[in-house]
Amino acid sequence: DASMASLSACHLAAPTVATARPSTVCRTRRAIASLRCAASSVPAAEGDDASTPPSRPSRELAPAVVVGRRAFAVGAALVASAVDASSNPAAAFERPPPGFKPFNDTIDGYKLYRPDGWIDVKGSGNDIFFRNADNAEENMFVAISSPSSIKFASVADLGTPDDAARKVLEQYLTEFMSTRIGVRRQSSVVSATERMGTGLDGKPSKFYDVRLRISSYATKNQYGLTEADRPQTLEWDRVLTSALGTANGRLYELRMQTSADTVANSEKTFAVVRDSFTPFEVDESNLSFPLLSGPKQ
């Protein structure tokens, strides 16, 4: 059995002498070694005291030790993340509504919920840009003012919501400006409202919500001599929504747009994204470079 096999192995490992008739000391050493090997190979009974460790470690206990260390490491990581979330509200996890996933920019200082199936578009020149894969005209992006430009303490620095809507509309028309002949833009302010939200620190935060509608008309015959020769047709008709907020002395603008024909289908999606959009203050001590050039004004 296992005890006899271990005993035999211990006999083989015990020291031997070259002479044919070993001395009494050698026989005593062999007997002691045999007793030790036999004691270590016999399993302990249920009532035996297991507090005394064996003479040599058992290999069967090694996996349990490894699992214990892994569990300890996982627990330590969870505790560290919980402490970090309590000290840094931006790192706290919030479960988004179904069909959305969280997006946190801890460098520029804002967070929002993005639609789960939308594509992340690179190279647009904006801070982020997401587009609906099934509707190219439905997209959203975030634009942030330069830290070296005017410092914003609140969206009230833009004036009233109507003043902010006119400024946003002028910016849109400038971006949509075309060098083609016979292009005409038709625009209007649909709504401009003030909304009080809650920042990550629990304090109230003021937002401006602006909705615009812009239509583009163009002619296929750009070189016609008369207006009759250059009839204009509708190219696109879009509804554009902007949510304006401030943090870190900068102006944050969340832009969402879709076709006027499908705006009713986008209302719920835009509402979730708009309400989740929250700029927050960034701790510059954790950055390798200063976010703002100079003190806030």
C-alpha atoms as a PDB file:
ATOM      1  CA  ASP A   1       0.000   0.000   0.000  1.00  0.00           C
ATOM      2  CA  ALA A   2       0.985   3.727   0.097  1.00  0.00           C
ATOM      3  CA  SER A   3       2.498   3.470   3.589  1.00  0.00           C
ATOM      4  CA  MET A   4       4.694   0.515   2.630  1.00  0.00           C
ATOM      5  CA  ALA A   5       5.719   2.230  -0.608  1.00  0.00           C
ATOM      6  CA  SER A   6       6.688   5.361   1.280  1.00  0.00           C
ATOM      7  CA  LEU A   7       8.497   3.275   3.854  1.00  0.00           C
ATOM      8  CA  SER A   8      10.427   1.492   1.095  1.00  0.00           C
ATOM      9  CA  ALA A   9      11.316   4.784  -0.496  1.00  0.00           C
ATOM     10  CA  CYS A  10      12.556   6.120   2.809  1.00  0.00           C
ATOM     11  CA  HIS A  11      14.680   2.986   3.274  1.00  0.00           C
ATOM     12  CA  LEU A  12      16.241   3.576  -0.156  1.00  0.00           C
ATOM     13  CA  ALA A  13      16.935   7.199   0.715  1.00  0.00           C
ATOM     14  CA  ALA A  14      18.417   6.373   4.134  1.00  0.00           C
ATOM     15  CA  PRO A  15      22.213   6.537   4.404  1.00  0.00           C
ATOM     16  CA  THR A  16      24.121   3.264   3.959  1.00  0.00           C
ATOM     17  CA  VAL A  17      27.640   2.190   4.795  1.00  0.00           C
ATOM     18  CA  ALA A  18      30.117   0.452   2.578  1.00  0.00           C
ATOM     19  CA  THR A  19      30.760  -2.449   4.949  1.00  0.00           C
ATOM     20  CA  ALA A  20      28.656  -5.592   4.835  1.00  0.00           C
ATOM     21  CA  ARG A  21      27.974  -5.511   8.597  1.00  0.00           C
ATOM     22  CA  PRO A  22      26.692  -1.982   9.516  1.00  0.00           C
ATOM     23  CA  SER A  23      27.433  -0.644  12.948  1.00  0.00           C
ATOM     24  CA  THR A  24      24.856  -0.104  15.686  1.00  0.00           C
ATOM     25  CA  VAL A  25      24.842   3.658  15.089  1.00  0.00           C
ATOM     26  CA  CYS A  26      23.956   3.182  11.414  1.00  0.00           C
ATOM     27  CA  ARG A  27      21.157   0.770  12.284  1.00  0.00           C
ATOM     28  CA  THR A  28      19.780   3.263  14.787  1.00  0.00           C
ATOM     29  CA  ARG A  29      19.841   6.074  12.217  1.00  0.00           C
ATOM     30  CA  ARG A  30      18.018   3.863   9.719  1.00  0.00           C
ATOM     31  CA  ALA A  31      15.326   3.015  12.231  1.00  0.00           C
ATOM     32  CA  ILE A  32      14.745   6.666  13.133  1.00  0.00           C
ATOM     33  CA  ALA A  33      14.547   7.658   9.455  1.00  0.00           C
ATOM     34  CA  SER A  34      12.092   4.823   8.798  1.00  0.00           C
ATOM     35  CA  LEU A  35       9.842   5.901  11.662  1.00  0.00           C
ATOM     36  CA  ARG A  36       9.825   9.522  10.444  1.00  0.00           C
ATOM     37  CA  CYS A  37       8.919   8.531   6.878  1.00  0.00           C
ATOM     38  CA  ALA A  38       6.172   6.219   8.080  1.00  0.00           C
ATOM     39  CA  ALA A  39       4.675   8.924  10.307  1.00  0.00           C
ATOM     40  CA  SER A  40       4.661  11.484   7.481  1.00  0.00           C
ATOM     41  CA  SER A  41       3.017   9.076   5.015  1.00  0.00           C
ATOM     42  CA  VAL A  42       0.103   7.974   7.242  1.00  0.00           C
ATOM     43  CA  PRO A  43      -2.961  10.359   6.860  1.00  0.00           C
ATOM     44  CA  ALA A  44      -4.282  11.974  10.027  1.00  0.00           C
ATOM     45  CA  ALA A  45      -7.544  10.713  11.491  1.00  0.00           C
ATOM     46  CA  GLU A  46     -10.584  12.931  11.886  1.00  0.00           C
ATOM     47  CA  GLY A  47      -9.977  13.468  15.612  1.00  0.00           C
ATOM     48  CA  ASP A  48      -6.241  14.120  15.310  1.00  0.00           C
ATOM     49  CA  ASP A  49      -4.780  17.553  15.926  1.00  0.00           C
ATOM     50  CA  ALA A  50      -3.996  19.143  12.544  1.00  0.00           C
ATOM     51  CA  SER A  51      -2.340  22.224  13.998  1.00  0.00           C
ATOM     52  CA  THR A  52       1.135  20.650  13.836  1.00  0.00           C
ATOM     53  CA  PRO A  53       2.531  20.960  10.298  1.00  0.00           C
ATOM     54  CA  PRO A  54       4.013  17.880   8.621  1.00  0.00           C
ATOM     55  CA  SER A  55       7.747  17.436   8.252  1.00  0.00           C
ATOM     56  CA  ARG A  56       7.601  18.293   4.543  1.00  0.00           C
ATOM     57  CA  PRO A  57       4.806  20.249   2.684  1.00  0.00           C
ATOM     58  CA  SER A  58       2.090  18.323   0.883  1.00  0.00           C
ATOM     59  CA  ARG A  59       1.633  19.029  -2.829  1.00  0.00           C
ATOM     60  CA  GLU A  60      -2.134  18.685  -2.490  1.00  0.00           C
ATOM     61  CA  LEU A  61      -2.269  21.867  -0.395  1.00  0.00           C
ATOM     62  CA  ALA A  62      -0.513  24.022  -3.033  1.00  0.00           C
ATOM     63  CA  PRO A  63      -3.640  24.727  -5.179  1.00  0.00           C
ATOM     64  CA  ALA A  64      -5.548  25.828  -2.097  1.00  0.00           C
ATOM     65  CA  VAL A  65      -2.773  28.267  -1.230  1.00  0.00           C
ATOM     66  CA  VAL A  66      -2.751  29.671  -4.778  1.00  0.00           C
ATOM     67  CA  VAL A  67      -6.521  30.109  -4.787  1.00  0.00           C
ATOM     68  CA  GLY A  68      -6.308  31.880  -1.449  1.00  0.00           C
ATOM     69  CA  ARG A  69      -3.735  34.326  -2.796  1.00  0.00           C
ATOM     70  CA  ARG A  70      -5.818  35.012  -5.892  1.00  0.00           C
ATOM     71  CA  ALA A  71      -8.927  35.610  -3.835  1.00  0.00           C
ATOM     72  CA  PHE A  72      -6.960  37.979  -1.627  1.00  0.00           C
ATOM     73  CA  ALA A  73      -5.689  39.884  -4.677  1.00  0.00           C
ATOM     74  CA  VAL A  74      -9.208  40.184  -6.132  1.00  0.00           C
ATOM     75  CA  GLY A  75     -10.567  41.404  -2.824  1.00  0.00           C
ATOM     76  CA  ALA A  76      -7.818  43.973  -2.538  1.00  0.00           C
ATOM     77  CA  ALA A  77      -8.579  45.230  -6.069  1.00  0.00           C
ATOM     78  CA  LEU A  78     -12.278  45.569  -5.246  1.00  0.00           C
ATOM     79  CA  VAL A  79     -11.495  47.507  -2.090  1.00  0.00           C
ATOM     80  CA  ALA A  80      -9.122  49.797  -3.994  1.00  0.00           C
ATOM     81  CA  SER A  81     -11.721  50.467  -6.717  1.00  0.00           C
ATOM     82  CA  ALA A  82     -14.371  51.214  -4.103  1.00  0.00           C
ATOM     83  CA  VAL A  83     -12.074  53.668  -2.350  1.00  0.00           C
ATOM     84  CA  ASP A  84     -11.179  55.291  -5.665  1.00  0.00           C
ATOM     85  CA  ALA A  85     -14.865  55.608  -6.619  1.00  0.00           C
ATOM     86  CA  SER A  86     -15.717  57.232  -3.296  1.00  0.00           C
ATOM     87  CA  SER A  87     -12.874  59.725  -3.580  1.00  0.00           C
ATOM     88  CA  ASN A  88     -13.389  60.359  -7.316  1.00  0.00           C
ATOM     89  CA  PRO A  89     -17.069  60.601  -8.290  1.00  0.00           C
ATOM     90  CA  ALA A  90     -16.176  60.455 -11.993  1.00  0.00           C
ATOM     91  CA  ALA A  91     -14.958  56.882 -11.493  1.00  0.00           C
ATOM     92  CA  ALA A  92     -18.160  55.692  -9.807  1.00  0.00           C
ATOM     93  CA  PHE A  93     -20.085  53.233 -11.944  1.00  0.00           C
ATOM     94  CA  GLU A  94     -23.669  53.930 -12.851  1.00  0.00           C
ATOM     95  CA  ARG A  95     -25.747  51.395 -14.703  1.00  0.00           C
ATOM     96  CA  PRO A  96     -26.965  52.915 -18.001  1.00  0.00           C
ATOM     97  CA  PRO A  97     -30.449  52.329 -19.410  1.00  0.00           C
ATOM     98  CA  PRO A  98     -30.911  49.341 -21.740  1.00  0.00           C
ATOM     99  CA  GLY A  99     -29.402  50.009 -25.161  1.00  0.00           C
ATOM    100  CA  PHE A 100     -26.760  52.451 -23.882  1.00  0.00           C
ATOM    101  CA  LYS A 101     -23.230  52.233 -22.575  1.00  0.00           C
ATOM    102  CA  PRO A 102     -21.323  54.745 -20.441  1.00  0.00           C
ATOM    103  CA  PHE A 103     -18.628  56.982 -21.854  1.00  0.00           C
ATOM    104  CA  ASN A 104     -16.329  58.831 -19.427  1.00  0.00           C
ATOM    105  CA  ASP A 105     -13.622  61.276 -20.485  1.00  0.00           C
ATOM    106  CA  THR A 106     -11.558  61.769 -17.353  1.00  0.00           C
ATOM    107  CA  ILE A 107      -9.000  63.966 -19.142  1.00  0.00           C
ATOM    108  CA  ASP A 108     -11.337  66.613 -20.576  1.00  0.00           C
ATOM    109  CA  GLY A 109     -13.893  66.121 -17.805  1.00  0.00           C
ATOM    110  CA  TYR A 110     -17.313  64.955 -19.021  1.00  0.00           C
ATOM    111  CA  LYS A 111     -19.444  61.835 -19.159  1.00  0.00           C
ATOM    112  CA  LEU A 112     -22.525  60.646 -21.019  1.00  0.00           C
ATOM    113  CA  TYR A 113     -24.450  57.591 -22.176  1.00  0.00           C
ATOM    114  CA  ARG A 114     -23.896  56.647 -25.807  1.00  0.00           C
ATOM    115  CA  PRO A 115     -26.187  54.405 -27.859  1.00  0.00           C
ATOM    116  CA  ASP A 116     -24.825  50.882 -27.801  1.00  0.00           C
ATOM    117  CA  GLY A 117     -25.041  50.217 -31.537  1.00  0.00           C
ATOM    118  CA  TRP A 118     -23.542  53.490 -32.737  1.00  0.00           C
ATOM    119  CA  ILE A 119     -20.138  53.595 -34.436  1.00  0.00           C
ATOM    120  CA  ASP A 120     -17.171  55.524 -33.078  1.00  0.00           C
ATOM    121  CA  VAL A 121     -15.957  57.717 -35.951  1.00  0.00           C
ATOM    122  CA  LYS A 122     -12.289  58.709 -35.872  1.00  0.00           C
ATOM    123  CA  GLY A 123     -10.685  61.717 -37.490  1.00  0.00           C
ATOM    124  CA  SER A 124     -13.743  64.000 -37.387  1.00  0.00           C
ATOM    125  CA  GLY A 125     -11.835  66.753 -35.571  1.00  0.00           C
ATOM    126  CA  ASN A 126     -14.181  66.633 -32.572  1.00  0.00           C
ATOM    127  CA  ASP A 127     -13.469  65.283 -29.124  1.00  0.00           C
ATOM    128  CA  ILE A 128     -15.757  62.295 -29.799  1.00  0.00           C
ATOM    129  CA  PHE A 129     -18.087  61.423 -32.665  1.00  0.00           C
ATOM    130  CA  PHE A 130     -20.662  58.607 -32.738  1.00  0.00           C
ATOM    131  CA  ARG A 131     -22.907  57.756 -35.684  1.00  0.00           C
ATOM    132  CA  ASN A 132     -25.894  55.503 -36.111  1.00  0.00           C
ATOM    133  CA  ALA A 133     -24.851  52.650 -38.397  1.00  0.00           C
ATOM    134  CA  ASP A 134     -28.399  52.399 -39.791  1.00  0.00           C
ATOM    135  CA  ASN A 135     -28.943  56.124 -40.330  1.00  0.00           C
ATOM    136  CA  ALA A 136     -26.002  58.214 -41.521  1.00  0.00           C
ATOM    137  CA  GLU A 137     -27.790  61.489 -40.729  1.00  0.00           C
ATOM    138  CA  GLU A 138     -28.228  60.545 -37.065  1.00  0.00           C
ATOM    139  CA  ASN A 139     -25.082  61.295 -35.106  1.00  0.00           C
ATOM    140  CA  MET A 140     -23.702  63.027 -32.038  1.00  0.00           C
ATOM    141  CA  PHE A 141     -20.435  64.595 -30.962  1.00  0.00           C
ATOM    142  CA  VAL A 142     -18.923  66.726 -28.208  1.00  0.00           C
ATOM    143  CA  ALA A 143     -17.119  70.010 -28.820  1.00  0.00           C
ATOM    144  CA  ILE A 144     -15.115  71.759 -26.095  1.00  0.00           C
ATOM    145  CA  SER A 145     -13.839  75.314 -26.124  1.00  0.00           C
ATOM    146  CA  SER A 146     -10.112  75.904 -26.086  1.00  0.00           C
ATOM    147  CA  PRO A 147      -8.540  76.279 -22.639  1.00  0.00           C
ATOM    148  CA  SER A 148      -6.689  79.350 -23.910  1.00  0.00           C
ATOM    149  CA  SER A 149      -9.901  81.120 -25.012  1.00  0.00           C
ATOM    150  CA  ILE A 150     -12.536  82.837 -22.876  1.00  0.00           C
ATOM    151  CA  LYS A 151     -13.023  81.242 -19.462  1.00  0.00           C
ATOM    152  CA  PHE A 152     -16.626  80.242 -18.726  1.00  0.00           C
ATOM    153  CA  ALA A 153     -17.917  80.199 -15.168  1.00  0.00           C
ATOM    154  CA  SER A 154     -21.457  79.308 -16.286  1.00  0.00           C
ATOM    155  CA  VAL A 155     -23.541  79.046 -19.442  1.00  0.00           C
ATOM    156  CA  ALA A 156     -25.062  82.345 -18.318  1.00  0.00           C
ATOM    157  CA  ASP A 157     -21.874  83.925 -19.707  1.00  0.00           C
ATOM    158  CA  LEU A 158     -23.428  83.330 -23.140  1.00  0.00           C
ATOM    159  CA  GLY A 159     -26.429  85.452 -22.190  1.00  0.00           C
ATOM    160  CA  THR A 160     -29.994  84.190 -22.158  1.00  0.00           C
ATOM    161  CA  PRO A 161     -30.957  80.853 -23.745  1.00  0.00           C
ATOM    162  CA  ASP A 162     -32.174  82.779 -26.808  1.00  0.00           C
ATOM    163  CA  ASP A 163     -28.815  84.556 -27.063  1.00  0.00           C
ATOM    164  CA  ALA A 164     -27.027  81.236 -26.858  1.00  0.00           C
ATOM    165  CA  ALA A 165     -29.340  79.757 -29.517  1.00  0.00           C
ATOM    166  CA  ARG A 166     -28.511  82.544 -31.947  1.00  0.00           C
ATOM    167  CA  LYS A 167     -24.783  82.069 -31.365  1.00  0.00           C
ATOM    168  CA  VAL A 168     -25.060  78.331 -31.896  1.00  0.00           C
ATOM    169  CA  LEU A 169     -27.074  78.885 -35.076  1.00  0.00           C
ATOM    170  CA  GLU A 170     -24.455  81.276 -36.438  1.00  0.00           C
ATOM    171  CA  GLN A 171     -21.779  78.705 -35.714  1.00  0.00           C
ATOM    172  CA  TYR A 172     -23.763  76.021 -37.530  1.00  0.00           C
ATOM    173  CA  LEU A 173     -24.313  78.214 -40.597  1.00  0.00           C
ATOM    174  CA  THR A 174     -20.607  79.025 -40.687  1.00  0.00           C
ATOM    175  CA  GLU A 175     -19.727  75.336 -40.606  1.00  0.00           C
ATOM    176  CA  PHE A 176     -22.297  74.543 -43.319  1.00  0.00           C
ATOM    177  CA  MET A 177     -21.056  77.336 -45.580  1.00  0.00           C
ATOM    178  CA  SER A 178     -20.521  76.142 -49.123  1.00  0.00           C
ATOM    179  CA  THR A 179     -18.584  77.513 -52.088  1.00  0.00           C
ATOM    180  CA  ARG A 180     -21.008  76.008 -54.579  1.00  0.00           C
ATOM    181  CA  ILE A 181     -23.097  78.329 -56.688  1.00  0.00           C
ATOM    182  CA  GLY A 182     -26.829  78.359 -56.109  1.00  0.00           C
ATOM    183  CA  VAL A 183     -26.774  76.916 -52.548  1.00  0.00           C
ATOM    184  CA  ARG A 184     -29.203  78.369 -50.018  1.00  0.00           C
ATOM    185  CA  ARG A 185     -29.635  77.579 -46.312  1.00  0.00           C
ATOM    186  CA  GLN A 186     -32.901  78.053 -44.510  1.00  0.00           C
ATOM    187  CA  SER A 187     -32.654  78.015 -40.698  1.00  0.00           C
ATOM    188  CA  SER A 188     -34.718  78.715 -37.602  1.00  0.00           C
ATOM    189  CA  VAL A 189     -34.525  78.381 -33.809  1.00  0.00           C
ATOM    190  CA  VAL A 190     -37.074  75.778 -32.727  1.00  0.00           C
ATOM    191  CA  SER A 191     -36.573  76.141 -28.959  1.00  0.00           C
ATOM    192  CA  ALA A 192     -34.116  77.475 -26.391  1.00  0.00           C
ATOM    193  CA  THR A 193     -34.566  76.562 -22.718  1.00  0.00           C
ATOM    194  CA  GLU A 194     -32.671  76.553 -19.439  1.00  0.00           C
ATOM    195  CA  ARG A 195     -32.337  73.334 -17.459  1.00  0.00           C
ATOM    196  CA  MET A 196     -30.958  72.661 -14.006  1.00  0.00           C
ATOM    197  CA  GLY A 197     -29.031  69.436 -13.678  1.00  0.00           C
ATOM    198  CA  THR A 198     -26.917  67.873 -10.966  1.00  0.00           C
ATOM    199  CA  GLY A 199     -23.157  67.647 -11.135  1.00  0.00           C
ATOM    200  CA  LEU A 200     -21.082  64.731  -9.917  1.00  0.00           C
ATOM    201  CA  ASP A 201     -20.471  66.611  -6.686  1.00  0.00           C
ATOM    202  CA  GLY A 202     -24.230  66.805  -6.056  1.00  0.00           C
ATOM    203  CA  LYS A 203     -24.371  70.539  -6.653  1.00  0.00           C
ATOM    204  CA  PRO A 204     -26.855  72.051  -9.151  1.00  0.00           C
ATOM    205  CA  SER A 205     -25.484  72.732 -12.608  1.00  0.00           C
ATOM    206  CA  LYS A 206     -27.075  74.965 -15.232  1.00  0.00           C
ATOM    207  CA  PHE A 207     -27.515  73.844 -18.848  1.00  0.00           C
ATOM    208  CA  TYR A 208     -28.909  75.455 -21.978  1.00  0.00           C
ATOM    209  CA  ASP A 209     -30.824  73.201 -24.383  1.00  0.00           C
ATOM    210  CA  VAL A 210     -31.093  74.530 -27.927  1.00  0.00           C
ATOM    211  CA  ARG A 211     -32.956  73.017 -30.868  1.00  0.00           C
ATOM    212  CA  LEU A 212     -32.482  74.261 -34.420  1.00  0.00           C
ATOM    213  CA  ARG A 213     -33.730  73.312 -37.856  1.00  0.00           C
ATOM    214  CA  ILE A 214     -31.631  73.870 -40.949  1.00  0.00           C
ATOM    215  CA  SER A 215     -32.550  73.022 -44.551  1.00  0.00           C
ATOM    216  CA  SER A 216     -30.259  73.103 -47.552  1.00  0.00           C
ATOM    217  CA  TYR A 217     -31.394  73.875 -51.101  1.00  0.00           C
ATOM    218  CA  ALA A 218     -29.197  73.589 -54.175  1.00  0.00           C
ATOM    219  CA  THR A 219     -29.440  73.502 -57.928  1.00  0.00           C
ATOM    220  CA  LYS A 220     -28.091  70.896 -60.281  1.00  0.00           C
ATOM    221  CA  ASN A 221     -27.417  73.523 -62.960  1.00  0.00           C
ATOM    222  CA  GLN A 222     -25.024  75.876 -61.180  1.00  0.00           C
ATOM    223  CA  TYR A 223     -24.127  77.795 -64.340  1.00  0.00           C
ATOM    224  CA  GLY A 224     -27.599  78.679 -65.543  1.00  0.00           C
ATOM    225  CA  LEU A 225     -27.959  82.284 -66.711  1.00  0.00           C
ATOM    226  CA  THR A 226     -31.277  82.997 -65.026  1.00  0.00           C
ATOM    227  CA  GLU A 227     -33.010  81.799 -61.891  1.00  0.00           C
ATOM    228  CA  ALA A 228     -35.354  79.796 -64.071  1.00  0.00           C
ATOM    229  CA  ASP A 229     -32.329  77.956 -65.379  1.00  0.00           C
ATOM    230  CA  ARG A 230     -31.174  77.235 -61.790  1.00  0.00           C
ATOM    231  CA  PRO A 231     -34.143  75.654 -60.019  1.00  0.00           C
ATOM    232  CA  GLN A 232     -33.350  74.741 -56.406  1.00  0.00           C
ATOM    233  CA  THR A 233     -34.371  71.497 -54.789  1.00  0.00           C
ATOM    234  CA  LEU A 234     -34.166  70.318 -51.184  1.00  0.00           C
ATOM    235  CA  GLU A 235     -30.872  68.564 -50.416  1.00  0.00           C
ATOM    236  CA  TRP A 236     -31.421  67.817 -46.745  1.00  0.00           C
ATOM    237  CA  ASP A 237     -33.573  68.912 -43.839  1.00  0.00           C
ATOM    238  CA  ARG A 238     -32.113  68.353 -40.360  1.00  0.00           C
ATOM    239  CA  VAL A 239     -33.021  68.991 -36.738  1.00  0.00           C
ATOM    240  CA  LEU A 240     -30.009  69.820 -34.572  1.00  0.00           C
ATOM    241  CA  THR A 241     -29.982  69.761 -30.781  1.00  0.00           C
ATOM    242  CA  SER A 242     -27.277  71.226 -28.553  1.00  0.00           C
ATOM    243  CA  ALA A 243     -26.819  70.860 -24.800  1.00  0.00           C
ATOM    244  CA  LEU A 244     -24.455  73.475 -23.347  1.00  0.00           C
ATOM    245  CA  GLY A 245     -22.684  73.165 -19.990  1.00  0.00           C
ATOM    246  CA  THR A 246     -19.519  74.404 -18.312  1.00  0.00           C
ATOM    247  CA  ALA A 247     -16.680  72.989 -16.205  1.00  0.00           C
ATOM    248  CA  ASN A 248     -12.962  73.680 -15.797  1.00  0.00           C
ATOM    249  CA  GLY A 249     -13.546  77.175 -17.170  1.00  0.00           C
ATOM    250  CA  ARG A 250     -14.520  75.685 -20.566  1.00  0.00           C
ATOM    251  CA  LEU A 251     -17.741  75.470 -22.565  1.00  0.00           C
ATOM    252  CA  TYR A 252     -18.931  71.933 -23.332  1.00  0.00           C
ATOM    253  CA  GLU A 253     -21.372  71.382 -26.175  1.00  0.00           C
ATOM    254  CA  LEU A 254     -23.120  68.103 -26.919  1.00  0.00           C
ATOM    255  CA  ARG A 255     -24.457  68.155 -30.486  1.00  0.00           C
ATOM    256  CA  MET A 256     -27.015  65.699 -31.812  1.00  0.00           C
ATOM    257  CA  GLN A 257     -28.610  65.780 -35.221  1.00  0.00           C
ATOM    258  CA  THR A 258     -30.953  63.735 -37.345  1.00  0.00           C
ATOM    259  CA  SER A 259     -33.191  64.112 -40.345  1.00  0.00           C
ATOM    260  CA  ALA A 260     -36.430  66.033 -39.821  1.00  0.00           C
ATOM    261  CA  ASP A 261     -38.301  63.014 -41.164  1.00  0.00           C
ATOM    262  CA  THR A 262     -36.989  60.718 -38.427  1.00  0.00           C
ATOM    263  CA  VAL A 263     -36.728  63.138 -35.495  1.00  0.00           C
ATOM    264  CA  ALA A 264     -39.733  61.567 -33.770  1.00  0.00           C
ATOM    265  CA  ASN A 265     -37.907  58.226 -33.649  1.00  0.00           C
ATOM    266  CA  SER A 266     -34.816  59.870 -32.150  1.00  0.00           C
ATOM    267  CA  GLU A 267     -36.495  61.794 -29.342  1.00  0.00           C
ATOM    268  CA  LYS A 268     -36.043  59.125 -26.648  1.00  0.00           C
ATOM    269  CA  THR A 269     -32.435  58.438 -27.621  1.00  0.00           C
ATOM    270  CA  PHE A 270     -31.518  62.120 -27.635  1.00  0.00           C
ATOM    271  CA  ALA A 271     -33.263  62.662 -24.286  1.00  0.00           C
ATOM    272  CA  VAL A 272     -31.223  59.916 -22.586  1.00  0.00           C
ATOM    273  CA  VAL A 273     -27.944  61.200 -24.017  1.00  0.00           C
ATOM    274  CA  ARG A 274     -28.772  64.829 -23.193  1.00  0.00           C
ATOM    275  CA  ASP A 275     -29.774  64.123 -19.588  1.00  0.00           C
ATOM    276  CA  SER A 276     -26.674  61.979 -19.015  1.00  0.00           C
ATOM    277  CA  PHE A 277     -24.296  64.612 -20.400  1.00  0.00           C
ATOM    278  CA  THR A 278     -22.397  65.978 -17.380  1.00  0.00           C
ATOM    279  CA  PRO A 279     -19.200  68.030 -17.473  1.00  0.00           C
ATOM    280  CA  PHE A 280     -17.154  67.788 -14.279  1.00  0.00           C
ATOM    281  CA  GLU A 281     -14.082  69.349 -12.741  1.00  0.00           C
ATOM    282  CA  VAL A 282     -10.782  67.608 -13.469  1.00  0.00           C
ATOM    283  CA  ASP A 283      -8.105  67.164 -10.831  1.00  0.00           C
ATOM    284  CA  GLU A 284      -5.058  68.529 -12.622  1.00  0.00           C
ATOM    285  CA  SER A 285      -2.682  67.092 -10.022  1.00  0.00           C
ATOM    286  CA  ASN A 286      -3.310  63.639 -11.524  1.00  0.00           C
ATOM    287  CA  LEU A 287      -2.333  64.770 -15.014  1.00  0.00           C
ATOM    288  CA  SER A 288       1.141  64.866 -16.505  1.00  0.00           C
ATOM    289  CA  PHE A 289       0.384  68.260 -18.063  1.00  0.00           C
ATOM    290  CA  PRO A 290      -1.800  71.210 -16.963  1.00  0.00           C
ATOM    291  CA  LEU A 291      -5.244  71.238 -18.530  1.00  0.00           C
ATOM    292  CA  LEU A 292      -5.672  75.002 -18.364  1.00  0.00           C
ATOM    293  CA  SER A 293      -3.094  77.646 -19.145  1.00  0.00           C
ATOM    294  CA  GLY A 294      -3.332  80.035 -16.233  1.00  0.00           C
ATOM    295  CA  PRO A 295      -5.903  80.533 -13.491  1.00  0.00           C
ATOM    296  CA  LYS A 296      -9.621  80.601 -14.181  1.00  0.00           C
ATOM    297  CA  GLN A 297     -11.260  83.991 -14.530  1.00  0.00           C
END
